[in-house]
Amino acid sequence: MTSIWDITVLTVSLALVATMVVLPPSVLLAWVLARRDFVGKALVEALVSLPLVMPPVATGVILLYLVGRRGPLGQMLAAAGIEVLFTRKAVVLAMAVMSLPLVVRTARAGFEQVSTRFEDIAATLGAGPARIFLTISLPLAWPGVLAGAVLGFSRAVGEFGATVMVAGALPGSTRTLAVSIYTFTETGQDREAAVLIAVSVTIAFATMWAANRIGRTR
């Protein structure tokens, strides 16, 4: 039987991977939403926020359709010999999708708090968008970006609905903290469930405290 420690290490490790995967596109998207006006911006904002308001299970069903063997992405992945469903890749995918809105919204707030004056000056001196982003916007907005990453990690650790739909509850492979709490409770293993709840609360408290501290940094 998988130990409490193994479940915790697995969950934290996969949440870290999911955070690293989702951070670059989320930060870039946050910067675009904060600094650019374009046709369809409201639609993009709505799509990004969907995982926050949709039932996680519904998000899991959508992912199940997309990466399933008969799904549009699943067929391409299968042709390349990549299996996603009911593997750790599926856990990372579910965690990344569910944490993306928090990362984008928090990082966007960080970019919006940065004055555009320095960016405008750099542009007049000939700096391109990529250089402005990497040398001015991102360094000045780093507290918001880092806070977004911490919140995204916290959300990934606690993810359940989408994960159980696309990854299941395979011991030692896809059984995360949230999935294990549900499984232990269903099978009457209340002591194990209580220990995992305590671990989850500890991680959540630590990450929220860190995010609040970082968010106050200027």
Protein backbone atom coordinates (compact mmCIF):
# COMPACT_ATOMS: atom_id res chain seq x y z
CA MET A 1 0.00 0.00 0.00
CA THR A 2 1.25 3.46 -0.92
CA SER A 3 2.39 5.39 2.14
CA ILE A 4 1.29 8.87 3.15
CA TRP A 5 4.77 10.15 2.40
CA ASP A 6 4.77 8.66 -1.10
CA ILE A 7 1.38 10.22 -1.86
CA THR A 8 2.56 13.62 -0.63
CA VAL A 9 5.82 13.50 -2.58
CA LEU A 10 4.00 12.38 -5.74
CA THR A 11 1.44 15.18 -5.46
CA VAL A 12 3.97 17.92 -4.73
CA SER A 13 6.29 16.73 -7.49
CA LEU A 14 3.55 16.63 -10.13
CA ALA A 15 2.20 20.00 -8.95
CA LEU A 16 5.67 21.52 -9.37
CA VAL A 17 5.93 20.09 -12.88
CA ALA A 18 2.45 21.40 -13.75
CA THR A 19 3.37 24.85 -12.42
CA MET A 20 6.56 24.96 -14.47
CA VAL A 21 4.67 23.84 -17.58
CA VAL A 22 1.88 26.38 -17.23
CA LEU A 23 3.95 29.34 -16.02
CA PRO A 24 5.57 30.51 -19.31
CA PRO A 25 2.37 30.60 -21.42
CA SER A 26 0.39 32.03 -18.49
CA VAL A 27 2.85 34.88 -17.93
CA LEU A 28 2.98 35.71 -21.63
CA LEU A 29 -0.82 35.65 -21.85
CA ALA A 30 -1.09 37.81 -18.72
CA TRP A 31 1.25 40.39 -20.26
CA VAL A 32 -0.71 40.45 -23.52
CA LEU A 33 -4.01 40.91 -21.68
CA ALA A 34 -2.53 43.65 -19.50
CA ARG A 35 -0.77 45.58 -22.26
CA ARG A 36 -2.63 44.95 -25.52
CA ASP A 37 -6.11 45.68 -26.86
CA PHE A 38 -7.27 43.43 -29.68
CA VAL A 39 -10.40 42.03 -31.26
CA GLY A 40 -11.69 39.11 -29.20
CA LYS A 41 -9.90 40.09 -25.99
CA ALA A 42 -13.07 39.65 -23.95
CA LEU A 43 -13.49 36.17 -25.42
CA VAL A 44 -9.94 35.21 -24.49
CA GLU A 45 -10.47 36.51 -20.95
CA ALA A 46 -13.65 34.45 -20.65
CA LEU A 47 -11.98 31.29 -21.96
CA VAL A 48 -9.06 31.68 -19.56
CA SER A 49 -11.44 32.06 -16.60
CA LEU A 50 -13.66 29.10 -17.51
CA PRO A 51 -11.87 26.53 -15.30
CA LEU A 52 -12.54 28.79 -12.31
CA VAL A 53 -16.31 28.77 -12.75
CA MET A 54 -16.94 25.40 -14.39
CA PRO A 55 -17.28 22.24 -12.29
CA PRO A 56 -13.85 20.58 -12.26
CA VAL A 57 -15.46 17.32 -13.34
CA ALA A 58 -16.84 19.06 -16.43
CA THR A 59 -13.36 20.34 -17.24
CA GLY A 60 -12.12 16.77 -16.81
CA VAL A 61 -14.72 15.48 -19.26
CA ILE A 62 -13.59 18.05 -21.84
CA LEU A 63 -9.97 17.01 -21.36
CA LEU A 64 -11.03 13.38 -21.58
CA TYR A 65 -12.58 14.08 -24.96
CA LEU A 66 -9.62 16.08 -26.23
CA VAL A 67 -6.81 13.70 -25.24
CA GLY A 68 -8.76 10.45 -25.50
CA ARG A 69 -7.77 8.03 -28.23
CA ARG A 70 -10.64 9.23 -30.41
CA GLY A 71 -10.16 12.90 -29.53
CA PRO A 72 -8.45 15.40 -31.84
CA LEU A 73 -5.36 15.74 -29.66
CA GLY A 74 -5.43 12.13 -28.54
CA GLN A 75 -5.16 10.83 -32.11
CA MET A 76 -2.09 12.97 -32.80
CA LEU A 77 -0.49 11.91 -29.54
CA ALA A 78 -1.26 8.26 -30.22
CA ALA A 79 0.37 8.57 -33.65
CA ALA A 80 3.49 9.83 -31.90
CA GLY A 81 3.36 6.95 -29.44
CA ILE A 82 2.38 9.14 -26.48
CA GLU A 83 -0.20 7.85 -24.02
CA VAL A 84 -1.78 10.45 -21.73
CA LEU A 85 -4.94 9.08 -20.14
CA PHE A 86 -4.52 7.42 -16.76
CA THR A 87 -0.84 8.29 -16.55
CA ARG A 88 1.09 10.94 -14.65
CA LYS A 89 0.98 13.06 -17.79
CA ALA A 90 -2.78 13.27 -17.35
CA VAL A 91 -2.34 14.41 -13.74
CA VAL A 92 0.03 17.17 -14.84
CA LEU A 93 -2.37 18.19 -17.62
CA ALA A 94 -5.34 18.42 -15.27
CA MET A 95 -3.33 20.34 -12.68
CA ALA A 96 -1.99 22.75 -15.29
CA VAL A 97 -5.39 23.50 -16.81
CA MET A 98 -7.03 24.08 -13.43
CA SER A 99 -4.21 26.32 -12.15
CA LEU A 100 -3.80 28.40 -15.32
CA PRO A 101 -6.59 30.94 -14.53
CA LEU A 102 -5.09 31.79 -11.14
CA VAL A 103 -1.62 32.24 -12.58
CA VAL A 104 -2.87 34.43 -15.43
CA ARG A 105 -5.09 36.62 -13.24
CA THR A 106 -2.45 37.18 -10.56
CA ALA A 107 0.39 37.79 -13.03
CA ARG A 108 -1.83 40.15 -15.02
CA ALA A 109 -2.48 42.19 -11.89
CA GLY A 110 1.28 42.36 -11.38
CA PHE A 111 1.83 43.71 -14.90
CA GLU A 112 -1.00 46.21 -14.54
CA GLN A 113 0.62 47.63 -11.40
CA VAL A 114 3.77 48.43 -13.38
CA SER A 115 3.84 51.87 -15.01
CA THR A 116 4.06 51.78 -18.80
CA ARG A 117 6.43 54.76 -18.76
CA PHE A 118 9.59 52.64 -18.80
CA GLU A 119 8.19 50.42 -21.54
CA ASP A 120 7.32 53.46 -23.65
CA ILE A 121 10.81 54.90 -23.20
CA ALA A 122 12.39 51.60 -24.22
CA ALA A 123 10.15 51.45 -27.29
CA THR A 124 11.20 54.93 -28.37
CA LEU A 125 14.83 53.82 -28.08
CA GLY A 126 14.21 50.96 -30.49
CA ALA A 127 13.60 48.02 -28.17
CA GLY A 128 11.27 45.37 -29.54
CA PRO A 129 8.32 43.83 -27.68
CA ALA A 130 10.30 40.73 -26.68
CA ARG A 131 13.18 42.75 -25.24
CA ILE A 132 10.80 45.11 -23.42
CA PHE A 133 8.99 42.14 -21.91
CA LEU A 134 12.14 40.32 -20.78
CA THR A 135 14.18 43.28 -19.53
CA ILE A 136 11.56 45.69 -18.20
CA SER A 137 8.02 44.33 -17.79
CA LEU A 138 8.86 40.94 -16.30
CA PRO A 139 11.52 42.12 -13.80
CA LEU A 140 9.24 44.90 -12.53
CA ALA A 141 6.20 42.62 -12.26
CA TRP A 142 8.02 39.68 -10.66
CA PRO A 143 6.13 39.81 -7.32
CA GLY A 144 2.82 39.31 -9.09
CA VAL A 145 4.25 36.61 -11.34
CA LEU A 146 5.78 34.74 -8.41
CA ALA A 147 2.58 35.07 -6.37
CA GLY A 148 0.66 33.67 -9.34
CA ALA A 149 3.04 30.72 -9.56
CA VAL A 150 2.59 29.98 -5.85
CA LEU A 151 -1.20 30.18 -6.12
CA GLY A 152 -1.13 27.98 -9.21
CA PHE A 153 0.96 25.42 -7.35
CA SER A 154 -1.47 25.47 -4.44
CA ARG A 155 -4.40 24.92 -6.80
CA ALA A 156 -2.57 22.07 -8.50
CA VAL A 157 -1.91 20.33 -5.18
CA GLY A 158 -5.61 20.41 -4.29
CA GLU A 159 -6.95 19.42 -7.70
CA PHE A 160 -9.43 16.53 -7.68
CA GLY A 161 -12.31 16.61 -10.16
CA ALA A 162 -10.45 16.93 -13.46
CA THR A 163 -7.65 14.67 -12.22
CA VAL A 164 -9.88 11.76 -11.33
CA MET A 165 -11.59 11.98 -14.73
CA VAL A 166 -8.47 11.82 -16.89
CA ALA A 167 -6.00 10.06 -14.59
CA GLY A 168 -8.07 7.88 -12.28
CA ALA A 169 -6.75 6.74 -8.90
CA LEU A 170 -3.92 4.34 -9.63
CA PRO A 171 -1.85 3.73 -6.45
CA GLY A 172 1.70 5.01 -6.77
CA SER A 173 1.01 6.55 -10.15
CA THR A 174 -1.96 8.93 -10.28
CA ARG A 175 -3.36 8.86 -6.75
CA THR A 176 -2.76 12.40 -5.53
CA LEU A 177 -3.57 13.88 -2.13
CA ALA A 178 -7.11 14.90 -3.04
CA VAL A 179 -7.86 11.62 -4.80
CA SER A 180 -6.39 9.65 -1.90
CA ILE A 181 -8.52 11.53 0.65
CA TYR A 182 -11.62 10.61 -1.35
CA THR A 183 -10.50 6.98 -1.75
CA PHE A 184 -9.63 6.53 1.93
CA THR A 185 -12.92 8.08 3.01
CA GLU A 186 -14.91 5.86 0.67
CA THR A 187 -13.17 2.72 1.98
CA GLY A 188 -13.57 3.64 5.65
CA GLN A 189 -9.89 4.44 6.26
CA ASP A 190 -10.69 7.56 8.24
CA ARG A 191 -7.33 7.80 10.01
CA GLU A 192 -5.37 7.86 6.76
CA ALA A 193 -7.83 10.37 5.31
CA ALA A 194 -7.45 12.62 8.37
CA VAL A 195 -3.65 12.57 8.07
CA LEU A 196 -3.82 13.53 4.39
CA ILE A 197 -6.28 16.30 5.21
CA ALA A 198 -3.82 17.67 7.73
CA VAL A 199 -1.03 17.51 5.14
CA SER A 200 -3.22 19.28 2.58
CA VAL A 201 -4.18 22.02 5.04
CA THR A 202 -0.53 22.55 5.95
CA ILE A 203 0.54 22.88 2.31
CA ALA A 204 -2.40 25.16 1.49
CA PHE A 205 -1.71 27.41 4.48
CA ALA A 206 2.00 27.65 3.68
CA THR A 207 1.41 28.49 0.01
CA MET A 208 -1.30 31.06 0.73
CA TRP A 209 0.89 32.71 3.37
CA ALA A 210 3.77 32.83 0.89
CA ALA A 211 1.54 34.22 -1.88
CA ASN A 212 0.24 36.98 0.41
CA ARG A 213 3.77 37.89 1.50
CA ILE A 214 5.00 37.99 -2.07
CA GLY A 215 1.97 39.96 -3.21
CA ARG A 216 2.84 42.74 -0.76
CA THR A 217 6.39 42.99 -2.11
CA ARG A 218 7.19 45.95 -4.31
